[in-house]
Amino acid sequence: MLFSLIVCFERESEDKLEEKDLLSELIMEEIAYGASQLNPNSQLIVPEGMADCIANSIFKMAQYEPCGIKGCVIYFNLDSGKDSDKPRELAKIRCDDYTVAMFEVHVTLHREASRWLKIVPQIFKSLRGSATPIVINKNYTISLKKLFRN
């Protein structure tokens, strides 16, 4: 009996790892597509491991929700870096189309504001035509909004 419980636990943890990996890949695809819709001549540069970190955060938030990750809708916004501008919507991911949304997760990605990045667009322009990079900072803001009342 103990052996079968251990096998089930290992299988469950493997499934969760696969789900996190799939969500991480989907996050990267969706924000890259969203960035290309904002500016077709841009290239999105995201810190390595950031999508994994965001996926882990979302899974931690989802574990306390009634439907888990299936009841989640994720919104990605890009902060322009200017205080007066509202963040622009990059992407929306519905984790399961067949489950009623129980909560929303809002992730705001911040642009890198280093001094050297002011020079980079000119360099990219001369190297690749008119492409300019959108460089994302490793810090992001994440918040949960419940769509039901207890």
Protein backbone atom coordinates (compact mmCIF):
# COMPACT_ATOMS: atom_id res chain seq x y z
CA MET A 1 0.00 0.00 0.00
CA LEU A 2 2.81 2.42 0.88
CA PHE A 3 4.52 1.76 -2.45
CA SER A 4 1.42 2.65 -4.46
CA LEU A 5 1.02 5.92 -2.52
CA ILE A 6 4.63 6.86 -3.28
CA VAL A 7 4.14 6.06 -6.98
CA CYS A 8 0.96 8.18 -7.08
CA PHE A 9 2.73 11.04 -5.32
CA GLU A 10 5.65 10.89 -7.75
CA ARG A 11 3.28 10.79 -10.73
CA GLU A 12 1.33 13.76 -9.35
CA SER A 13 4.50 15.81 -8.84
CA GLU A 14 5.67 14.91 -12.37
CA ASP A 15 2.30 16.07 -13.77
CA LYS A 16 2.62 19.37 -11.90
CA LEU A 17 6.12 19.86 -13.27
CA GLU A 18 4.82 19.23 -16.79
CA GLU A 19 1.96 21.70 -16.22
CA LYS A 20 4.41 24.33 -14.95
CA ASP A 21 6.68 23.77 -17.94
CA LEU A 22 3.73 24.05 -20.34
CA LEU A 23 2.52 27.21 -18.63
CA SER A 24 6.04 28.65 -18.74
CA GLU A 25 6.28 27.99 -22.50
CA LEU A 26 2.81 29.43 -23.06
CA ILE A 27 3.74 32.56 -21.10
CA MET A 28 6.80 33.15 -23.29
CA GLU A 29 4.85 32.57 -26.51
CA GLU A 30 1.97 34.84 -25.51
CA ILE A 31 4.06 37.77 -24.27
CA ALA A 32 6.31 37.56 -27.34
CA TYR A 33 3.22 37.60 -29.57
CA GLY A 34 1.74 40.48 -27.56
CA ALA A 35 4.95 42.49 -27.86
CA SER A 36 5.01 41.92 -31.60
CA GLN A 37 1.43 43.24 -31.79
CA LEU A 38 2.42 46.39 -29.88
CA ASN A 39 5.36 47.04 -32.17
CA PRO A 40 5.92 44.72 -35.14
CA ASN A 41 9.51 45.94 -35.49
CA SER A 42 10.51 45.01 -31.95
CA GLN A 43 12.30 42.12 -30.37
CA LEU A 44 11.35 41.03 -26.85
CA ILE A 45 14.25 40.30 -24.50
CA VAL A 46 13.19 38.51 -21.30
CA PRO A 47 15.55 37.47 -18.49
CA GLU A 48 16.32 33.78 -18.44
CA GLY A 49 14.08 31.82 -16.08
CA MET A 50 11.56 34.62 -15.67
CA ALA A 51 8.68 32.67 -17.23
CA ASP A 52 9.44 29.73 -14.90
CA CYS A 53 9.40 32.07 -11.91
CA ILE A 54 6.06 33.58 -12.97
CA ALA A 55 4.57 30.10 -13.57
CA ASN A 56 5.70 28.99 -10.09
CA SER A 57 4.12 32.08 -8.52
CA ILE A 58 0.85 31.45 -10.33
CA PHE A 59 0.78 27.80 -9.27
CA LYS A 60 1.38 28.82 -5.64
CA MET A 61 -1.53 31.25 -5.81
CA ALA A 62 -3.76 28.68 -7.52
CA GLN A 63 -3.26 25.97 -4.91
CA TYR A 64 -5.63 27.75 -2.52
CA GLU A 65 -8.36 28.34 -5.09
CA PRO A 66 -11.42 26.06 -5.49
CA CYS A 67 -10.65 24.94 -9.06
CA GLY A 68 -6.88 25.31 -8.83
CA ILE A 69 -5.03 26.43 -11.93
CA LYS A 70 -7.98 25.47 -14.15
CA GLY A 71 -10.04 28.37 -12.81
CA CYS A 72 -7.36 30.95 -13.60
CA VAL A 73 -7.22 33.73 -16.19
CA ILE A 74 -3.83 35.43 -16.48
CA TYR A 75 -3.40 38.97 -17.77
CA PHE A 76 0.03 40.25 -18.77
CA ASN A 77 0.67 43.98 -18.92
CA LEU A 78 3.75 45.92 -19.95
CA ASP A 79 4.65 48.93 -17.86
CA SER A 80 5.93 51.71 -20.08
CA GLY A 81 8.29 53.02 -17.41
CA LYS A 82 6.57 56.39 -17.33
CA ASP A 83 4.50 57.26 -14.28
CA SER A 84 1.75 58.92 -16.31
CA ASP A 85 1.12 55.99 -18.68
CA LYS A 86 -1.08 53.04 -17.85
CA PRO A 87 0.44 49.61 -18.45
CA ARG A 88 -0.40 48.22 -21.88
CA GLU A 89 -2.04 44.83 -22.19
CA LEU A 90 0.28 42.24 -23.71
CA ALA A 91 -1.55 38.95 -23.38
CA LYS A 92 -4.38 37.02 -21.80
CA ILE A 93 -4.19 33.32 -20.99
CA ARG A 94 -7.21 31.25 -19.98
CA CYS A 95 -5.81 28.17 -18.29
CA ASP A 96 -8.87 26.01 -19.06
CA ASP A 97 -11.61 27.01 -21.50
CA TYR A 98 -14.05 24.51 -19.97
CA THR A 99 -13.78 25.71 -16.37
CA VAL A 100 -15.49 28.82 -15.05
CA ALA A 101 -12.94 31.49 -14.21
CA MET A 102 -12.68 31.71 -10.41
CA PHE A 103 -9.79 34.16 -10.17
CA GLU A 104 -7.58 36.43 -12.22
CA VAL A 105 -3.85 36.88 -11.94
CA HIS A 106 -2.48 40.20 -13.17
CA VAL A 107 1.22 40.21 -14.04
CA THR A 108 2.86 43.52 -14.85
CA LEU A 109 6.22 43.30 -16.56
CA HIS A 110 8.53 46.28 -16.24
CA ARG A 111 10.88 47.58 -18.91
CA GLU A 112 14.55 47.80 -18.07
CA ALA A 113 15.49 51.41 -17.45
CA SER A 114 19.29 51.26 -17.62
CA ARG A 115 21.19 54.13 -19.21
CA TRP A 116 22.92 51.89 -21.74
CA LEU A 117 19.55 50.85 -23.17
CA LYS A 118 19.04 54.33 -24.55
CA ILE A 119 21.91 53.60 -26.93
CA VAL A 120 20.82 50.06 -27.84
CA PRO A 121 17.94 51.04 -30.18
CA GLN A 122 20.36 52.93 -32.41
CA ILE A 123 22.71 49.93 -32.47
CA PHE A 124 19.87 47.52 -33.32
CA LYS A 125 18.56 49.92 -35.95
CA SER A 126 21.88 49.92 -37.74
CA LEU A 127 22.32 46.14 -37.42
CA ARG A 128 18.83 44.86 -38.18
CA GLY A 129 17.07 47.60 -40.06
CA SER A 130 14.41 49.17 -37.88
CA ALA A 131 14.06 46.55 -35.12
CA THR A 132 14.22 47.85 -31.56
CA PRO A 133 14.38 45.67 -28.46
CA ILE A 134 11.88 45.66 -25.63
CA VAL A 135 14.05 44.67 -22.69
CA ILE A 136 12.14 43.35 -19.68
CA ASN A 137 13.42 43.84 -16.15
CA LYS A 138 13.73 40.73 -13.96
CA ASN A 139 11.28 42.26 -11.46
CA TYR A 140 7.57 41.98 -12.05
CA THR A 141 4.38 42.74 -10.15
CA ILE A 142 1.80 40.01 -9.62
CA SER A 143 -1.62 40.28 -8.01
CA LEU A 144 -4.61 38.02 -7.53
CA LYS A 145 -8.22 39.07 -7.97
CA LYS A 146 -10.94 36.66 -6.85
CA LEU A 147 -14.06 36.55 -8.97
CA PHE A 148 -16.27 35.01 -6.27
CA ARG A 149 -17.09 35.54 -2.63
CA ASN A 150 -16.65 33.04 0.17
